[in-house]
Amino acid sequence: MEANQNGALTLVRIIGVMLVVASILELGLYWAECAYHKPEPLHVEVLPIIFRSIPAVTGIVVLIKSSTIAEWVAEKLDL
């Protein structure tokens, strides 16, 4: 693996992990918003959880296909 492909692979993996982490943080903030609502806690609904989980699913797909995406990025950036 060449240096530019290795760099692209690292970039793709970082992006995938950050998508998963951002989604986990967003889900945690949603839960906290529902749990600590005043005067009484709100119910956690399914649809907002599904919408907030989309970046995590995308991040997992990016991590699974990271080598293919990294090759594509390396080709596009190699002018």
N, C-alpha and C. Protein backbone atom coordinates (compact mmCIF):
# COMPACT_ATOMS: atom_id res chain seq x y z
N MET A 1 0.85 -1.17 0.00
CA MET A 1 0.00 0.00 0.00
C MET A 1 0.90 1.24 0.00
N GLU A 2 0.60 2.16 -0.90
CA GLU A 2 1.38 3.38 -1.02
C GLU A 2 1.02 4.36 0.08
N ALA A 3 1.84 5.38 0.19
CA ALA A 3 1.64 6.37 1.26
C ALA A 3 0.32 7.12 1.09
N ASN A 4 -0.05 7.48 -0.15
CA ASN A 4 -1.30 8.21 -0.34
C ASN A 4 -2.51 7.32 -0.06
N GLN A 5 -2.41 6.03 -0.37
CA GLN A 5 -3.51 5.11 -0.05
C GLN A 5 -3.62 4.88 1.45
N ASN A 6 -2.46 4.83 2.13
CA ASN A 6 -2.47 4.66 3.57
C ASN A 6 -3.08 5.89 4.25
N GLY A 7 -2.74 7.06 3.75
CA GLY A 7 -3.33 8.29 4.29
C GLY A 7 -4.82 8.36 4.04
N ALA A 8 -5.24 7.95 2.85
CA ALA A 8 -6.67 7.95 2.52
C ALA A 8 -7.42 6.95 3.40
N LEU A 9 -6.80 5.79 3.65
CA LEU A 9 -7.44 4.79 4.50
C LEU A 9 -7.60 5.32 5.92
N THR A 10 -6.59 6.00 6.42
CA THR A 10 -6.68 6.59 7.76
C THR A 10 -7.77 7.65 7.81
N LEU A 11 -7.85 8.49 6.78
CA LEU A 11 -8.88 9.52 6.73
C LEU A 11 -10.28 8.92 6.70
N VAL A 12 -10.47 7.88 5.90
CA VAL A 12 -11.78 7.24 5.79
C VAL A 12 -12.16 6.59 7.11
N ARG A 13 -11.22 5.95 7.78
CA ARG A 13 -11.52 5.33 9.07
C ARG A 13 -11.86 6.37 10.13
N ILE A 14 -11.15 7.50 10.13
CA ILE A 14 -11.45 8.55 11.10
C ILE A 14 -12.85 9.10 10.86
N ILE A 15 -13.21 9.30 9.61
CA ILE A 15 -14.55 9.80 9.29
C ILE A 15 -15.62 8.81 9.74
N GLY A 16 -15.41 7.52 9.50
CA GLY A 16 -16.37 6.50 9.93
C GLY A 16 -16.54 6.46 11.43
N VAL A 17 -15.43 6.53 12.16
CA VAL A 17 -15.50 6.51 13.63
C VAL A 17 -16.19 7.76 14.15
N MET A 18 -15.89 8.90 13.55
CA MET A 18 -16.51 10.14 14.01
C MET A 18 -18.02 10.16 13.76
N LEU A 19 -18.46 9.54 12.68
CA LEU A 19 -19.90 9.43 12.45
C LEU A 19 -20.57 8.60 13.54
N VAL A 20 -19.94 7.50 13.92
CA VAL A 20 -20.50 6.65 14.97
C VAL A 20 -20.50 7.39 16.30
N VAL A 21 -19.41 8.05 16.63
CA VAL A 21 -19.31 8.77 17.90
C VAL A 21 -20.32 9.92 17.96
N ALA A 22 -20.46 10.67 16.89
CA ALA A 22 -21.43 11.77 16.86
C ALA A 22 -22.85 11.26 17.04
N SER A 23 -23.16 10.12 16.45
CA SER A 23 -24.49 9.55 16.59
C SER A 23 -24.74 9.08 18.03
N ILE A 24 -23.74 8.48 18.66
CA ILE A 24 -23.88 8.04 20.05
C ILE A 24 -24.09 9.25 20.96
N LEU A 25 -23.34 10.32 20.73
CA LEU A 25 -23.52 11.53 21.53
C LEU A 25 -24.90 12.14 21.33
N GLU A 26 -25.37 12.15 20.10
CA GLU A 26 -26.69 12.70 19.82
C GLU A 26 -27.79 11.87 20.49
N LEU A 27 -27.65 10.54 20.47
CA LEU A 27 -28.62 9.69 21.15
C LEU A 27 -28.59 9.91 22.67
N GLY A 28 -27.40 10.08 23.22
CA GLY A 28 -27.29 10.35 24.65
C GLY A 28 -27.91 11.68 25.03
N LEU A 29 -27.71 12.70 24.21
CA LEU A 29 -28.33 13.99 24.49
C LEU A 29 -29.85 13.92 24.38
N TYR A 30 -30.36 13.16 23.43
CA TYR A 30 -31.80 12.99 23.31
C TYR A 30 -32.38 12.29 24.53
N TRP A 31 -31.70 11.23 24.98
CA TRP A 31 -32.16 10.53 26.17
C TRP A 31 -32.14 11.46 27.38
N ALA A 32 -31.07 12.23 27.54
CA ALA A 32 -30.98 13.15 28.68
C ALA A 32 -32.07 14.22 28.61
N GLU A 33 -32.36 14.68 27.41
CA GLU A 33 -33.42 15.68 27.25
C GLU A 33 -34.77 15.10 27.67
N CYS A 34 -35.00 13.87 27.32
CA CYS A 34 -36.27 13.23 27.69
C CYS A 34 -36.31 12.88 29.18
N ALA A 35 -35.20 12.42 29.73
CA ALA A 35 -35.18 11.96 31.11
C ALA A 35 -35.25 13.10 32.12
N TYR A 36 -34.66 14.23 31.79
CA TYR A 36 -34.59 15.33 32.75
C TYR A 36 -35.51 16.49 32.40
N HIS A 37 -36.55 16.22 31.63
CA HIS A 37 -37.51 17.25 31.28
C HIS A 37 -38.36 17.57 32.51
N LYS A 38 -38.63 18.84 32.73
CA LYS A 38 -39.46 19.27 33.86
C LYS A 38 -40.81 19.69 33.36
N PRO A 39 -41.87 19.46 34.03
CA PRO A 39 -42.07 18.95 35.38
C PRO A 39 -42.05 17.42 35.46
N GLU A 40 -42.25 16.72 34.36
CA GLU A 40 -42.16 15.26 34.39
C GLU A 40 -41.41 14.78 33.15
N PRO A 41 -40.73 13.65 33.25
CA PRO A 41 -39.95 13.14 32.12
C PRO A 41 -40.83 12.81 30.91
N LEU A 42 -40.26 13.01 29.74
CA LEU A 42 -40.95 12.66 28.50
C LEU A 42 -40.65 11.22 28.13
N HIS A 43 -41.52 10.63 27.32
CA HIS A 43 -41.28 9.28 26.82
C HIS A 43 -40.29 9.34 25.66
N VAL A 44 -39.40 8.37 25.63
CA VAL A 44 -38.45 8.26 24.52
C VAL A 44 -39.20 7.61 23.35
N GLU A 45 -39.20 8.27 22.20
CA GLU A 45 -39.93 7.77 21.05
C GLU A 45 -38.98 7.09 20.06
N VAL A 46 -39.53 6.22 19.25
CA VAL A 46 -38.72 5.39 18.35
C VAL A 46 -38.24 6.19 17.13
N LEU A 47 -39.09 7.01 16.55
CA LEU A 47 -38.74 7.71 15.32
C LEU A 47 -37.55 8.65 15.49
N PRO A 48 -37.47 9.46 16.55
CA PRO A 48 -36.26 10.27 16.72
C PRO A 48 -35.00 9.44 16.92
N ILE A 49 -35.13 8.28 17.56
CA ILE A 49 -33.97 7.40 17.74
C ILE A 49 -33.50 6.86 16.39
N ILE A 50 -34.44 6.50 15.53
CA ILE A 50 -34.08 6.00 14.20
C ILE A 50 -33.38 7.08 13.39
N PHE A 51 -33.91 8.31 13.44
CA PHE A 51 -33.28 9.40 12.69
C PHE A 51 -31.89 9.73 13.22
N ARG A 52 -31.72 9.65 14.52
CA ARG A 52 -30.42 9.95 15.11
C ARG A 52 -29.42 8.80 14.94
N SER A 53 -29.89 7.62 14.57
CA SER A 53 -29.01 6.47 14.36
C SER A 53 -28.51 6.35 12.92
N ILE A 54 -29.06 7.12 12.01
CA ILE A 54 -28.64 7.05 10.61
C ILE A 54 -27.15 7.33 10.43
N PRO A 55 -26.57 8.35 11.09
CA PRO A 55 -25.12 8.54 10.93
C PRO A 55 -24.29 7.37 11.45
N ALA A 56 -24.76 6.69 12.50
CA ALA A 56 -24.03 5.53 13.03
C ALA A 56 -24.03 4.39 12.01
N VAL A 57 -25.15 4.16 11.38
CA VAL A 57 -25.23 3.11 10.36
C VAL A 57 -24.33 3.47 9.18
N THR A 58 -24.34 4.73 8.80
CA THR A 58 -23.47 5.18 7.71
C THR A 58 -22.01 5.00 8.09
N GLY A 59 -21.66 5.33 9.33
CA GLY A 59 -20.29 5.18 9.80
C GLY A 59 -19.84 3.73 9.80
N ILE A 60 -20.72 2.82 10.19
CA ILE A 60 -20.38 1.40 10.20
C ILE A 60 -20.17 0.90 8.76
N VAL A 61 -21.01 1.36 7.85
CA VAL A 61 -20.84 0.98 6.44
C VAL A 61 -19.52 1.53 5.91
N VAL A 62 -19.17 2.76 6.28
CA VAL A 62 -17.90 3.34 5.85
C VAL A 62 -16.74 2.54 6.41
N LEU A 63 -16.84 2.11 7.66
CA LEU A 63 -15.76 1.31 8.25
C LEU A 63 -15.64 -0.05 7.57
N ILE A 64 -16.75 -0.65 7.21
CA ILE A 64 -16.71 -1.95 6.54
C ILE A 64 -16.10 -1.82 5.13
N LYS A 65 -16.48 -0.78 4.42
CA LYS A 65 -16.00 -0.57 3.04
C LYS A 65 -14.82 0.39 2.98
N SER A 66 -14.06 0.52 4.07
CA SER A 66 -13.02 1.56 4.14
C SER A 66 -11.92 1.38 3.10
N SER A 67 -11.53 0.16 2.83
CA SER A 67 -10.44 -0.03 1.86
C SER A 67 -10.89 0.35 0.45
N THR A 68 -12.10 0.01 0.09
CA THR A 68 -12.63 0.37 -1.23
C THR A 68 -12.78 1.88 -1.36
N ILE A 69 -13.31 2.51 -0.34
CA ILE A 69 -13.49 3.96 -0.37
C ILE A 69 -12.13 4.66 -0.40
N ALA A 70 -11.15 4.13 0.35
CA ALA A 70 -9.82 4.73 0.38
C ALA A 70 -9.15 4.63 -0.99
N GLU A 71 -9.30 3.51 -1.68
CA GLU A 71 -8.75 3.39 -3.03
C GLU A 71 -9.39 4.40 -3.97
N TRP A 72 -10.71 4.57 -3.86
CA TRP A 72 -11.42 5.53 -4.70
C TRP A 72 -10.94 6.95 -4.41
N VAL A 73 -10.78 7.30 -3.14
CA VAL A 73 -10.32 8.64 -2.77
C VAL A 73 -8.90 8.87 -3.27
N ALA A 74 -8.05 7.85 -3.12
CA ALA A 74 -6.66 7.98 -3.58
C ALA A 74 -6.60 8.18 -5.09
N GLU A 75 -7.48 7.51 -5.84
CA GLU A 75 -7.53 7.70 -7.29
C GLU A 75 -8.01 9.09 -7.65
N LYS A 76 -9.01 9.57 -6.94
CA LYS A 76 -9.56 10.90 -7.24
C LYS A 76 -8.58 12.00 -6.90
N LEU A 77 -7.81 11.84 -5.84
CA LEU A 77 -6.87 12.88 -5.43
C LEU A 77 -5.53 12.79 -6.15
N ASP A 78 -5.26 11.68 -6.80
CA ASP A 78 -4.01 11.51 -7.52
C ASP A 78 -4.16 12.11 -8.92
N LEU A 79 -3.79 13.35 -9.06
CA LEU A 79 -4.00 14.06 -10.34
C LEU A 79 -2.90 13.80 -11.29
